[in-house]
Amino acid sequence: MRRHEIGDAGWDRVKGSLPTRGPNPADRGFVNAVLCVAKAGVPWRDLPARFGNWNSVWRRFRRWAAAGVWGKVLEAVRDPDVSTPVLDSTVVRAHPHAAGALKKTTAAGLTGTRPG
């Protein structure tokens, strides 16, 4: 099994939630393509060639999203023992100048301007 691909146990939990317009052996490869994009953070256009045409994968992803398939998939893989979600509230602060803040007035009385 390659990195970012769904294992057999996970596939058994997910496959019952997928659209049933007939058996489609390509479904597992498609789910693996979506996992690759989600986990690695690559743009759709950089999807490895082994998953097929990136635009076809993206269009199928959008169709499934519009049909609510991904919500069903998430319900299928949800841990029933977890009743409360845990959120990480880590805060990363940037320097005020990074946000485009005005510079302070100098000793000569000049007013600052926005960088940029």
C-alpha atoms as a PDB file:
ATOM      1  CA  MET A   1       0.000   0.000   0.000  1.00  0.00           C
ATOM      2  CA  ARG A   2       1.339   3.407  -0.953  1.00  0.00           C
ATOM      3  CA  ARG A   3       1.442   6.463   1.222  1.00  0.00           C
ATOM      4  CA  HIS A   4      -1.866   8.393   1.481  1.00  0.00           C
ATOM      5  CA  GLU A   5      -3.936   5.417   0.339  1.00  0.00           C
ATOM      6  CA  ILE A   6      -6.852   3.828   2.118  1.00  0.00           C
ATOM      7  CA  GLY A   7      -6.252   0.442   3.731  1.00  0.00           C
ATOM      8  CA  ASP A   8      -8.484  -2.610   3.457  1.00  0.00           C
ATOM      9  CA  ALA A   9     -10.224  -2.008   6.791  1.00  0.00           C
ATOM     10  CA  GLY A  10     -10.928   1.626   5.923  1.00  0.00           C
ATOM     11  CA  TRP A  11     -12.154   0.682   2.455  1.00  0.00           C
ATOM     12  CA  ASP A  12     -14.592  -1.835   3.942  1.00  0.00           C
ATOM     13  CA  ARG A  13     -16.064   0.950   6.105  1.00  0.00           C
ATOM     14  CA  VAL A  14     -16.277   3.464   3.242  1.00  0.00           C
ATOM     15  CA  LYS A  15     -17.435   1.476   0.220  1.00  0.00           C
ATOM     16  CA  GLY A  16     -21.030   1.103   1.443  1.00  0.00           C
ATOM     17  CA  SER A  17     -21.407   4.913   1.498  1.00  0.00           C
ATOM     18  CA  LEU A  18     -20.449   5.425  -2.143  1.00  0.00           C
ATOM     19  CA  PRO A  19     -22.931   5.907  -4.990  1.00  0.00           C
ATOM     20  CA  THR A  20     -24.260   2.615  -6.329  1.00  0.00           C
ATOM     21  CA  ARG A  21     -24.699   3.034 -10.056  1.00  0.00           C
ATOM     22  CA  GLY A  22     -23.196  -0.384 -10.495  1.00  0.00           C
ATOM     23  CA  PRO A  23     -19.916  -1.802  -9.271  1.00  0.00           C
ATOM     24  CA  ASN A  24     -17.046   0.493 -10.091  1.00  0.00           C
ATOM     25  CA  PRO A  25     -13.591  -0.910  -9.332  1.00  0.00           C
ATOM     26  CA  ALA A  26     -12.138   2.553  -9.958  1.00  0.00           C
ATOM     27  CA  ASP A  27     -13.845   3.939  -6.823  1.00  0.00           C
ATOM     28  CA  ARG A  28     -10.983   2.909  -4.557  1.00  0.00           C
ATOM     29  CA  GLY A  29      -8.442   4.586  -6.831  1.00  0.00           C
ATOM     30  CA  PHE A  30     -10.588   7.710  -6.883  1.00  0.00           C
ATOM     31  CA  VAL A  31     -10.841   7.790  -3.076  1.00  0.00           C
ATOM     32  CA  ASN A  32      -7.064   7.339  -2.933  1.00  0.00           C
ATOM     33  CA  ALA A  33      -6.653  10.314  -5.292  1.00  0.00           C
ATOM     34  CA  VAL A  34      -8.817  12.484  -3.034  1.00  0.00           C
ATOM     35  CA  LEU A  35      -6.828  11.357   0.014  1.00  0.00           C
ATOM     36  CA  CYS A  36      -3.605  12.230  -1.782  1.00  0.00           C
ATOM     37  CA  VAL A  37      -4.824  15.766  -2.435  1.00  0.00           C
ATOM     38  CA  ALA A  38      -6.231  16.181   1.075  1.00  0.00           C
ATOM     39  CA  LYS A  39      -3.294  14.742   3.005  1.00  0.00           C
ATOM     40  CA  ALA A  40      -0.392  16.022   0.922  1.00  0.00           C
ATOM     41  CA  GLY A  41      -2.009  19.374   0.150  1.00  0.00           C
ATOM     42  CA  VAL A  42      -1.106  19.220  -3.521  1.00  0.00           C
ATOM     43  CA  PRO A  43      -3.145  21.174  -6.075  1.00  0.00           C
ATOM     44  CA  TRP A  44      -5.446  19.078  -8.243  1.00  0.00           C
ATOM     45  CA  ARG A  45      -3.238  19.796 -11.267  1.00  0.00           C
ATOM     46  CA  ASP A  46      -0.281  18.163  -9.483  1.00  0.00           C
ATOM     47  CA  LEU A  47      -2.113  14.908  -8.830  1.00  0.00           C
ATOM     48  CA  PRO A  48       0.192  11.982  -9.723  1.00  0.00           C
ATOM     49  CA  ALA A  49      -0.506  10.460 -13.142  1.00  0.00           C
ATOM     50  CA  ARG A  50      -1.322   7.041 -11.635  1.00  0.00           C
ATOM     51  CA  PHE A  51      -4.697   8.492 -10.547  1.00  0.00           C
ATOM     52  CA  GLY A  52      -5.676   9.489 -14.076  1.00  0.00           C
ATOM     53  CA  ASN A  53      -6.584  12.865 -15.513  1.00  0.00           C
ATOM     54  CA  TRP A  54      -6.622  15.419 -12.686  1.00  0.00           C
ATOM     55  CA  ASN A  55      -9.590  17.283 -14.186  1.00  0.00           C
ATOM     56  CA  SER A  56     -11.713  14.116 -14.336  1.00  0.00           C
ATOM     57  CA  VAL A  57     -10.883  13.354 -10.700  1.00  0.00           C
ATOM     58  CA  TRP A  58     -11.691  16.932  -9.671  1.00  0.00           C
ATOM     59  CA  ARG A  59     -15.047  16.938 -11.519  1.00  0.00           C
ATOM     60  CA  ARG A  60     -16.041  13.651  -9.906  1.00  0.00           C
ATOM     61  CA  PHE A  61     -15.010  15.013  -6.504  1.00  0.00           C
ATOM     62  CA  ARG A  62     -17.267  18.076  -7.055  1.00  0.00           C
ATOM     63  CA  ARG A  63     -20.203  15.896  -8.186  1.00  0.00           C
ATOM     64  CA  TRP A  64     -19.888  13.737  -5.081  1.00  0.00           C
ATOM     65  CA  ALA A  65     -19.606  16.831  -2.883  1.00  0.00           C
ATOM     66  CA  ALA A  66     -22.783  18.310  -4.398  1.00  0.00           C
ATOM     67  CA  ALA A  67     -24.603  14.992  -3.905  1.00  0.00           C
ATOM     68  CA  GLY A  68     -23.579  14.771  -0.210  1.00  0.00           C
ATOM     69  CA  VAL A  69     -21.493  11.623  -0.656  1.00  0.00           C
ATOM     70  CA  TRP A  70     -18.580  12.922   1.422  1.00  0.00           C
ATOM     71  CA  GLY A  71     -20.848  13.519   4.423  1.00  0.00           C
ATOM     72  CA  LYS A  72     -21.918   9.878   4.257  1.00  0.00           C
ATOM     73  CA  VAL A  73     -18.293   8.784   3.983  1.00  0.00           C
ATOM     74  CA  LEU A  74     -17.351  10.828   7.045  1.00  0.00           C
ATOM     75  CA  GLU A  75     -20.227   9.292   8.989  1.00  0.00           C
ATOM     76  CA  ALA A  76     -19.005   5.829   7.997  1.00  0.00           C
ATOM     77  CA  VAL A  77     -15.477   6.446   9.293  1.00  0.00           C
ATOM     78  CA  ARG A  78     -16.486   8.427  12.382  1.00  0.00           C
ATOM     79  CA  ASP A  79     -15.395   6.873  15.654  1.00  0.00           C
ATOM     80  CA  PRO A  80     -18.608   6.080  17.587  1.00  0.00           C
ATOM     81  CA  ASP A  81     -16.787   6.420  20.926  1.00  0.00           C
ATOM     82  CA  VAL A  82     -15.959  10.081  20.315  1.00  0.00           C
ATOM     83  CA  SER A  83     -18.927  12.253  21.228  1.00  0.00           C
ATOM     84  CA  THR A  84     -17.166  15.610  21.450  1.00  0.00           C
ATOM     85  CA  PRO A  85     -14.807  16.983  18.824  1.00  0.00           C
ATOM     86  CA  VAL A  86     -11.450  18.216  20.053  1.00  0.00           C
ATOM     87  CA  LEU A  87     -10.134  21.385  18.444  1.00  0.00           C
ATOM     88  CA  ASP A  88      -6.574  22.624  18.649  1.00  0.00           C
ATOM     89  CA  SER A  89      -6.520  26.326  19.447  1.00  0.00           C
ATOM     90  CA  THR A  90      -2.881  27.016  18.689  1.00  0.00           C
ATOM     91  CA  VAL A  91      -2.355  30.672  17.828  1.00  0.00           C
ATOM     92  CA  VAL A  92       0.300  31.876  15.438  1.00  0.00           C
ATOM     93  CA  ARG A  93       0.925  35.597  15.560  1.00  0.00           C
ATOM     94  CA  ALA A  94       2.491  37.663  12.829  1.00  0.00           C
ATOM     95  CA  HIS A  95       4.365  40.912  13.258  1.00  0.00           C
ATOM     96  CA  PRO A  96       1.992  43.915  12.875  1.00  0.00           C
ATOM     97  CA  HIS A  97       3.820  45.005   9.718  1.00  0.00           C
ATOM     98  CA  ALA A  98       2.980  41.670   8.127  1.00  0.00           C
ATOM     99  CA  ALA A  99      -0.696  42.644   8.271  1.00  0.00           C
ATOM    100  CA  GLY A 100      -0.188  46.029   6.599  1.00  0.00           C
ATOM    101  CA  ALA A 101      -0.367  48.098   9.801  1.00  0.00           C
ATOM    102  CA  LEU A 102       0.528  51.769   9.525  1.00  0.00           C
ATOM    103  CA  LYS A 103       3.998  52.733  10.691  1.00  0.00           C
ATOM    104  CA  LYS A 104       4.270  54.994  13.720  1.00  0.00           C
ATOM    105  CA  THR A 105       5.133  58.675  13.435  1.00  0.00           C
ATOM    106  CA  THR A 106       8.871  59.333  13.415  1.00  0.00           C
ATOM    107  CA  ALA A 107      10.702  61.806  15.671  1.00  0.00           C
ATOM    108  CA  ALA A 108      10.724  64.326  12.808  1.00  0.00           C
ATOM    109  CA  GLY A 109       6.929  64.276  12.760  1.00  0.00           C
ATOM    110  CA  LEU A 110       6.516  62.375   9.522  1.00  0.00           C
ATOM    111  CA  THR A 111       3.499  60.127   9.339  1.00  0.00           C
ATOM    112  CA  GLY A 112       3.911  56.574   8.218  1.00  0.00           C
ATOM    113  CA  THR A 113       2.374  55.044   5.170  1.00  0.00           C
ATOM    114  CA  ARG A 114       1.305  51.562   4.377  1.00  0.00           C
ATOM    115  CA  PRO A 115       4.051  49.405   2.957  1.00  0.00           C
ATOM    116  CA  GLY A 116       3.681  48.339  -0.484  1.00  0.00           C
END
